């Protein structure tokens, strides 16, 4: 199973003005495609050829950094596009909301902690909500790392590499993160991933 670039689940201009058409053209069509192509080249002739992206991410962690970085970013971005939708944000489905409150105290605190994780991730990386030991946790990881390699299952992630926001927000990462949480998150997809992770 070689990696392939998934289509965006919406037109390039569907998330504007929160995330511009230009950002999605660069981020999806160029950056994500580069992770796919580089990952496929690095897998050729290795034990990882033909494995799923999750298997490659977990198997290459700590053993093959170039492959891990590209496979990790491919996995992260497959979900990143689905973690957003036009007119996102808003109400969180009931079961997920209850789990967030049980694990993190309140929805407001969870959002604040998630944004803060993104703001304080030095350099490139991601902020996450992940299910670990039956609870939802806020995490942050550098570069292409994700909760899969830290014993967690990611249910929401936000990309804080500069290419994900610099065209629209310049150096105002906190503004980008707040806009992402308030206006882009596809909570139905997060709830789907939570239901699968909580089994």
C-alpha atoms as a PDB file:
ATOM      1  CA  UNK A   1       0.000   0.000   0.000  1.00  0.00           C
ATOM      2  CA  UNK A   2       1.924   2.995  -1.180  1.00  0.00           C
ATOM      3  CA  UNK A   3       0.888   6.391   0.152  1.00  0.00           C
ATOM      4  CA  UNK A   4      -1.427   8.507  -1.988  1.00  0.00           C
ATOM      5  CA  UNK A   5      -2.636  12.071  -1.632  1.00  0.00           C
ATOM      6  CA  UNK A   6      -6.303  12.141  -0.565  1.00  0.00           C
ATOM      7  CA  UNK A   7      -8.614  14.653  -2.184  1.00  0.00           C
ATOM      8  CA  UNK A   8      -9.709  17.538   0.011  1.00  0.00           C
ATOM      9  CA  UNK A   9     -13.215  16.862   1.384  1.00  0.00           C
ATOM     10  CA  UNK A  10     -14.279  20.385   0.238  1.00  0.00           C
ATOM     11  CA  UNK A  11     -13.247  22.913  -2.446  1.00  0.00           C
ATOM     12  CA  UNK A  12      -9.985  24.832  -1.874  1.00  0.00           C
ATOM     13  CA  UNK A  13     -11.902  28.041  -1.112  1.00  0.00           C
ATOM     14  CA  UNK A  14     -14.472  26.446   1.248  1.00  0.00           C
ATOM     15  CA  UNK A  15     -12.690  27.397   4.502  1.00  0.00           C
ATOM     16  CA  UNK A  16     -12.101  31.047   3.589  1.00  0.00           C
ATOM     17  CA  UNK A  17     -11.667  33.540   5.138  1.00  0.00           C
ATOM     18  CA  UNK A  18     -10.469  31.479   8.153  1.00  0.00           C
ATOM     19  CA  UNK A  19      -8.109  29.478   5.943  1.00  0.00           C
ATOM     20  CA  UNK A  20      -7.559  30.859   2.463  1.00  0.00           C
ATOM     21  CA  UNK A  21      -7.663  29.108  -0.898  1.00  0.00           C
ATOM     22  CA  UNK A  22      -3.975  29.987  -1.331  1.00  0.00           C
ATOM     23  CA  UNK A  23      -3.051  28.295   1.968  1.00  0.00           C
ATOM     24  CA  UNK A  24      -4.891  25.105   1.013  1.00  0.00           C
ATOM     25  CA  UNK A  25      -3.342  25.093  -2.464  1.00  0.00           C
ATOM     26  CA  UNK A  26       0.143  25.264  -0.976  1.00  0.00           C
ATOM     27  CA  UNK A  27      -0.513  23.105   2.086  1.00  0.00           C
ATOM     28  CA  UNK A  28      -2.496  20.268   0.497  1.00  0.00           C
ATOM     29  CA  UNK A  29      -1.354  20.307  -3.131  1.00  0.00           C
ATOM     30  CA  UNK A  30       2.354  20.917  -2.467  1.00  0.00           C
ATOM     31  CA  UNK A  31       3.386  20.179   1.145  1.00  0.00           C
ATOM     32  CA  UNK A  32       1.213  17.093   1.695  1.00  0.00           C
ATOM     33  CA  UNK A  33       2.062  15.766  -1.779  1.00  0.00           C
ATOM     34  CA  UNK A  34       5.772  16.113  -0.962  1.00  0.00           C
ATOM     35  CA  UNK A  35       5.347  13.965   2.188  1.00  0.00           C
ATOM     36  CA  UNK A  36       3.531  11.327   0.098  1.00  0.00           C
ATOM     37  CA  UNK A  37       6.163  11.234  -2.662  1.00  0.00           C
ATOM     38  CA  UNK A  38       9.151  11.318  -0.304  1.00  0.00           C
ATOM     39  CA  UNK A  39       7.588   8.677   1.955  1.00  0.00           C
ATOM     40  CA  UNK A  40       6.979   6.362  -1.005  1.00  0.00           C
ATOM     41  CA  UNK A  41      10.580   6.770  -2.205  1.00  0.00           C
ATOM     42  CA  UNK A  42      11.975   6.096   1.278  1.00  0.00           C
ATOM     43  CA  UNK A  43       9.828   2.953   1.702  1.00  0.00           C
ATOM     44  CA  UNK A  44      11.036   1.296  -1.503  1.00  0.00           C
ATOM     45  CA  UNK A  45      12.895  -1.917  -0.738  1.00  0.00           C
ATOM     46  CA  UNK A  46      12.384  -1.660   3.040  1.00  0.00           C
ATOM     47  CA  UNK A  47      10.403  -3.817   5.481  1.00  0.00           C
ATOM     48  CA  UNK A  48       7.722  -1.094   5.473  1.00  0.00           C
ATOM     49  CA  UNK A  49       6.779  -1.459   1.816  1.00  0.00           C
ATOM     50  CA  UNK A  50       3.115  -2.461   1.501  1.00  0.00           C
ATOM     51  CA  UNK A  51       2.234  -1.635   5.120  1.00  0.00           C
ATOM     52  CA  UNK A  52      -0.488   0.760   6.286  1.00  0.00           C
ATOM     53  CA  UNK A  53       0.444   4.320   7.195  1.00  0.00           C
ATOM     54  CA  UNK A  54      -0.199   3.577  10.907  1.00  0.00           C
ATOM     55  CA  UNK A  55       2.137   0.550  10.771  1.00  0.00           C
ATOM     56  CA  UNK A  56       4.837   2.587   9.030  1.00  0.00           C
ATOM     57  CA  UNK A  57       4.524   5.423  11.587  1.00  0.00           C
ATOM     58  CA  UNK A  58       4.770   3.091  14.587  1.00  0.00           C
ATOM     59  CA  UNK A  59       7.427   0.821  13.053  1.00  0.00           C
ATOM     60  CA  UNK A  60       9.786   3.528  11.804  1.00  0.00           C
ATOM     61  CA  UNK A  61       9.696   5.650  14.993  1.00  0.00           C
ATOM     62  CA  UNK A  62      13.175   5.795  16.502  1.00  0.00           C
ATOM     63  CA  UNK A  63      14.580   3.589  13.714  1.00  0.00           C
ATOM     64  CA  UNK A  64      14.286   5.461  10.430  1.00  0.00           C
ATOM     65  CA  UNK A  65      13.885   9.202  11.039  1.00  0.00           C
ATOM     66  CA  UNK A  66      13.489  10.371   7.402  1.00  0.00           C
ATOM     67  CA  UNK A  67      10.759   7.800   6.709  1.00  0.00           C
ATOM     68  CA  UNK A  68       9.090   8.421  10.070  1.00  0.00           C
ATOM     69  CA  UNK A  69       8.944  12.197   9.481  1.00  0.00           C
ATOM     70  CA  UNK A  70       7.239  11.814   6.101  1.00  0.00           C
ATOM     71  CA  UNK A  71       4.931   8.958   7.152  1.00  0.00           C
ATOM     72  CA  UNK A  72       3.982  10.856  10.314  1.00  0.00           C
ATOM     73  CA  UNK A  73       3.163  13.975   8.368  1.00  0.00           C
ATOM     74  CA  UNK A  74       1.152  11.937   5.840  1.00  0.00           C
ATOM     75  CA  UNK A  75      -0.889  10.340   8.653  1.00  0.00           C
ATOM     76  CA  UNK A  76      -1.381  13.703  10.383  1.00  0.00           C
ATOM     77  CA  UNK A  77      -2.550  15.435   7.214  1.00  0.00           C
ATOM     78  CA  UNK A  78      -4.930  12.650   6.107  1.00  0.00           C
ATOM     79  CA  UNK A  79      -6.870  13.508   9.273  1.00  0.00           C
ATOM     80  CA  UNK A  80      -6.128  17.242   9.342  1.00  0.00           C
ATOM     81  CA  UNK A  81      -8.237  17.890   6.231  1.00  0.00           C
ATOM     82  CA  UNK A  82     -11.136  15.942   7.804  1.00  0.00           C
ATOM     83  CA  UNK A  83     -10.725  17.699  11.165  1.00  0.00           C
ATOM     84  CA  UNK A  84     -11.911  20.876   9.420  1.00  0.00           C
ATOM     85  CA  UNK A  85     -15.126  21.771   7.645  1.00  0.00           C
ATOM     86  CA  UNK A  86     -16.792  24.924   6.350  1.00  0.00           C
ATOM     87  CA  UNK A  87     -18.656  26.645   9.204  1.00  0.00           C
ATOM     88  CA  UNK A  88     -17.033  24.309  11.733  1.00  0.00           C
ATOM     89  CA  UNK A  89     -16.672  24.782  15.461  1.00  0.00           C
ATOM     90  CA  UNK A  90     -19.975  25.052  17.283  1.00  0.00           C
ATOM     91  CA  UNK A  91     -21.696  22.337  19.287  1.00  0.00           C
ATOM     92  CA  UNK A  92     -19.838  19.188  20.311  1.00  0.00           C
ATOM     93  CA  UNK A  93     -21.782  15.885  20.052  1.00  0.00           C
ATOM     94  CA  UNK A  94     -23.066  14.666  23.428  1.00  0.00           C
ATOM     95  CA  UNK A  95     -20.901  11.586  24.135  1.00  0.00           C
ATOM     96  CA  UNK A  96     -17.739  13.420  23.148  1.00  0.00           C
ATOM     97  CA  UNK A  97     -18.696  16.497  25.168  1.00  0.00           C
ATOM     98  CA  UNK A  98     -19.274  14.321  28.254  1.00  0.00           C
ATOM     99  CA  UNK A  99     -15.882  12.620  27.781  1.00  0.00           C
ATOM    100  CA  UNK A 100     -14.119  15.988  27.382  1.00  0.00           C
ATOM    101  CA  UNK A 101     -15.728  17.326  30.576  1.00  0.00           C
ATOM    102  CA  UNK A 102     -14.918  14.087  32.478  1.00  0.00           C
ATOM    103  CA  UNK A 103     -11.284  14.132  31.344  1.00  0.00           C
ATOM    104  CA  UNK A 104     -10.414  17.819  31.179  1.00  0.00           C
ATOM    105  CA  UNK A 105     -12.865  19.622  33.476  1.00  0.00           C
ATOM    106  CA  UNK A 106     -14.874  21.618  30.940  1.00  0.00           C
ATOM    107  CA  UNK A 107     -15.161  22.232  27.220  1.00  0.00           C
ATOM    108  CA  UNK A 108     -13.789  25.762  27.673  1.00  0.00           C
ATOM    109  CA  UNK A 109     -10.748  24.485  29.564  1.00  0.00           C
ATOM    110  CA  UNK A 110     -10.161  21.777  26.956  1.00  0.00           C
ATOM    111  CA  UNK A 111     -10.220  24.376  24.163  1.00  0.00           C
ATOM    112  CA  UNK A 112      -7.926  26.725  26.102  1.00  0.00           C
ATOM    113  CA  UNK A 113      -5.452  23.936  26.900  1.00  0.00           C
ATOM    114  CA  UNK A 114      -5.497  22.725  23.280  1.00  0.00           C
ATOM    115  CA  UNK A 115      -4.816  26.263  21.983  1.00  0.00           C
ATOM    116  CA  UNK A 116      -2.099  26.743  24.603  1.00  0.00           C
ATOM    117  CA  UNK A 117      -0.429  23.481  23.557  1.00  0.00           C
ATOM    118  CA  UNK A 118      -0.280  24.802  19.997  1.00  0.00           C
ATOM    119  CA  UNK A 119       0.975  28.234  21.060  1.00  0.00           C
ATOM    120  CA  UNK A 120       3.738  26.752  23.234  1.00  0.00           C
ATOM    121  CA  UNK A 121       4.922  24.059  20.790  1.00  0.00           C
ATOM    122  CA  UNK A 122       8.334  25.535  19.981  1.00  0.00           C
ATOM    123  CA  UNK A 123       9.084  25.532  16.273  1.00  0.00           C
ATOM    124  CA  UNK A 124       7.170  23.142  14.022  1.00  0.00           C
ATOM    125  CA  UNK A 125       4.744  20.538  15.311  1.00  0.00           C
ATOM    126  CA  UNK A 126       1.180  19.726  16.323  1.00  0.00           C
ATOM    127  CA  UNK A 127      -1.269  20.099  19.208  1.00  0.00           C
ATOM    128  CA  UNK A 128      -3.637  17.225  19.964  1.00  0.00           C
ATOM    129  CA  UNK A 129      -6.597  15.814  21.779  1.00  0.00           C
ATOM    130  CA  UNK A 130      -5.845  12.119  22.166  1.00  0.00           C
ATOM    131  CA  UNK A 131      -7.344   9.151  23.974  1.00  0.00           C
ATOM    132  CA  UNK A 132      -4.803   7.551  26.310  1.00  0.00           C
ATOM    133  CA  UNK A 133      -5.571   5.073  29.098  1.00  0.00           C
ATOM    134  CA  UNK A 134      -9.290   5.647  28.532  1.00  0.00           C
ATOM    135  CA  UNK A 135      -9.097   9.417  29.061  1.00  0.00           C
ATOM    136  CA  UNK A 136      -8.852  12.380  26.691  1.00  0.00           C
ATOM    137  CA  UNK A 137      -5.542  14.214  27.044  1.00  0.00           C
ATOM    138  CA  UNK A 138      -4.113  17.396  25.530  1.00  0.00           C
ATOM    139  CA  UNK A 139      -0.724  16.708  23.961  1.00  0.00           C
ATOM    140  CA  UNK A 140       1.802  18.451  21.745  1.00  0.00           C
ATOM    141  CA  UNK A 141       4.494  16.933  19.554  1.00  0.00           C
ATOM    142  CA  UNK A 142       7.400  18.279  17.496  1.00  0.00           C
ATOM    143  CA  UNK A 143       7.652  18.032  13.706  1.00  0.00           C
ATOM    144  CA  UNK A 144       5.716  15.026  12.325  1.00  0.00           C
ATOM    145  CA  UNK A 145       5.299  13.133  15.593  1.00  0.00           C
ATOM    146  CA  UNK A 146       1.824  12.235  16.799  1.00  0.00           C
ATOM    147  CA  UNK A 147       0.190  10.491  19.779  1.00  0.00           C
ATOM    148  CA  UNK A 148       0.349   7.060  18.056  1.00  0.00           C
ATOM    149  CA  UNK A 149       4.007   6.760  19.093  1.00  0.00           C
ATOM    150  CA  UNK A 150       3.275   7.877  22.672  1.00  0.00           C
ATOM    151  CA  UNK A 151       0.583   5.336  23.502  1.00  0.00           C
ATOM    152  CA  UNK A 152      -2.345   7.532  22.470  1.00  0.00           C
ATOM    153  CA  UNK A 153      -4.950   7.638  19.710  1.00  0.00           C
ATOM    154  CA  UNK A 154      -5.331  11.095  18.152  1.00  0.00           C
ATOM    155  CA  UNK A 155      -8.906  12.361  17.840  1.00  0.00           C
ATOM    156  CA  UNK A 156      -8.133  16.025  16.986  1.00  0.00           C
ATOM    157  CA  UNK A 157      -4.945  17.642  15.779  1.00  0.00           C
ATOM    158  CA  UNK A 158      -3.927  21.077  14.575  1.00  0.00           C
ATOM    159  CA  UNK A 159      -0.880  21.756  12.440  1.00  0.00           C
ATOM    160  CA  UNK A 160       1.337  24.542  13.795  1.00  0.00           C
ATOM    161  CA  UNK A 161       4.006  24.372  11.104  1.00  0.00           C
ATOM    162  CA  UNK A 162       4.267  27.893   9.676  1.00  0.00           C
ATOM    163  CA  UNK A 163       3.080  26.777   6.228  1.00  0.00           C
ATOM    164  CA  UNK A 164      -0.332  26.007   7.736  1.00  0.00           C
ATOM    165  CA  UNK A 165      -1.004  29.609   8.763  1.00  0.00           C
ATOM    166  CA  UNK A 166       1.659  32.069   7.617  1.00  0.00           C
ATOM    167  CA  UNK A 167      -0.094  33.230   4.428  1.00  0.00           C
ATOM    168  CA  UNK A 168      -3.249  34.117   6.400  1.00  0.00           C
ATOM    169  CA  UNK A 169      -1.959  35.022   9.869  1.00  0.00           C
ATOM    170  CA  UNK A 170       1.759  35.819   9.406  1.00  0.00           C
ATOM    171  CA  UNK A 171       3.356  35.246  12.841  1.00  0.00           C
ATOM    172  CA  UNK A 172       0.071  35.364  14.797  1.00  0.00           C
ATOM    173  CA  UNK A 173      -0.104  31.680  15.706  1.00  0.00           C
ATOM    174  CA  UNK A 174      -2.500  32.237  18.669  1.00  0.00           C
ATOM    175  CA  UNK A 175      -5.026  33.962  16.341  1.00  0.00           C
ATOM    176  CA  UNK A 176      -4.828  31.045  13.893  1.00  0.00           C
ATOM    177  CA  UNK A 177      -5.394  28.508  16.679  1.00  0.00           C
ATOM    178  CA  UNK A 178      -8.364  30.372  18.121  1.00  0.00           C
ATOM    179  CA  UNK A 179      -9.901  30.710  14.645  1.00  0.00           C
ATOM    180  CA  UNK A 180      -9.320  26.983  14.034  1.00  0.00           C
ATOM    181  CA  UNK A 181     -11.107  25.967  17.255  1.00  0.00           C
ATOM    182  CA  UNK A 182     -13.952  28.482  16.912  1.00  0.00           C
ATOM    183  CA  UNK A 183     -14.655  28.205  13.180  1.00  0.00           C
ATOM    184  CA  UNK A 184     -13.112  25.126  11.545  1.00  0.00           C
ATOM    185  CA  UNK A 185     -13.209  22.034  13.788  1.00  0.00           C
ATOM    186  CA  UNK A 186     -15.385  19.221  12.467  1.00  0.00           C
ATOM    187  CA  UNK A 187     -16.565  17.911  15.844  1.00  0.00           C
ATOM    188  CA  UNK A 188     -18.585  15.118  14.205  1.00  0.00           C
ATOM    189  CA  UNK A 189     -15.371  13.614  12.826  1.00  0.00           C
ATOM    190  CA  UNK A 190     -13.658  14.048  16.215  1.00  0.00           C
ATOM    191  CA  UNK A 191     -16.620  12.222  17.813  1.00  0.00           C
ATOM    192  CA  UNK A 192     -16.284   9.364  15.280  1.00  0.00           C
ATOM    193  CA  UNK A 193     -12.593   8.946  16.116  1.00  0.00           C
ATOM    194  CA  UNK A 194     -13.359   9.172  19.852  1.00  0.00           C
ATOM    195  CA  UNK A 195     -15.999   6.430  19.585  1.00  0.00           C
ATOM    196  CA  UNK A 196     -13.492   4.162  17.778  1.00  0.00           C
ATOM    197  CA  UNK A 197     -10.645   4.962  20.223  1.00  0.00           C
ATOM    198  CA  UNK A 198     -12.769   4.493  23.346  1.00  0.00           C
ATOM    199  CA  UNK A 199     -13.760   0.897  22.440  1.00  0.00           C
END
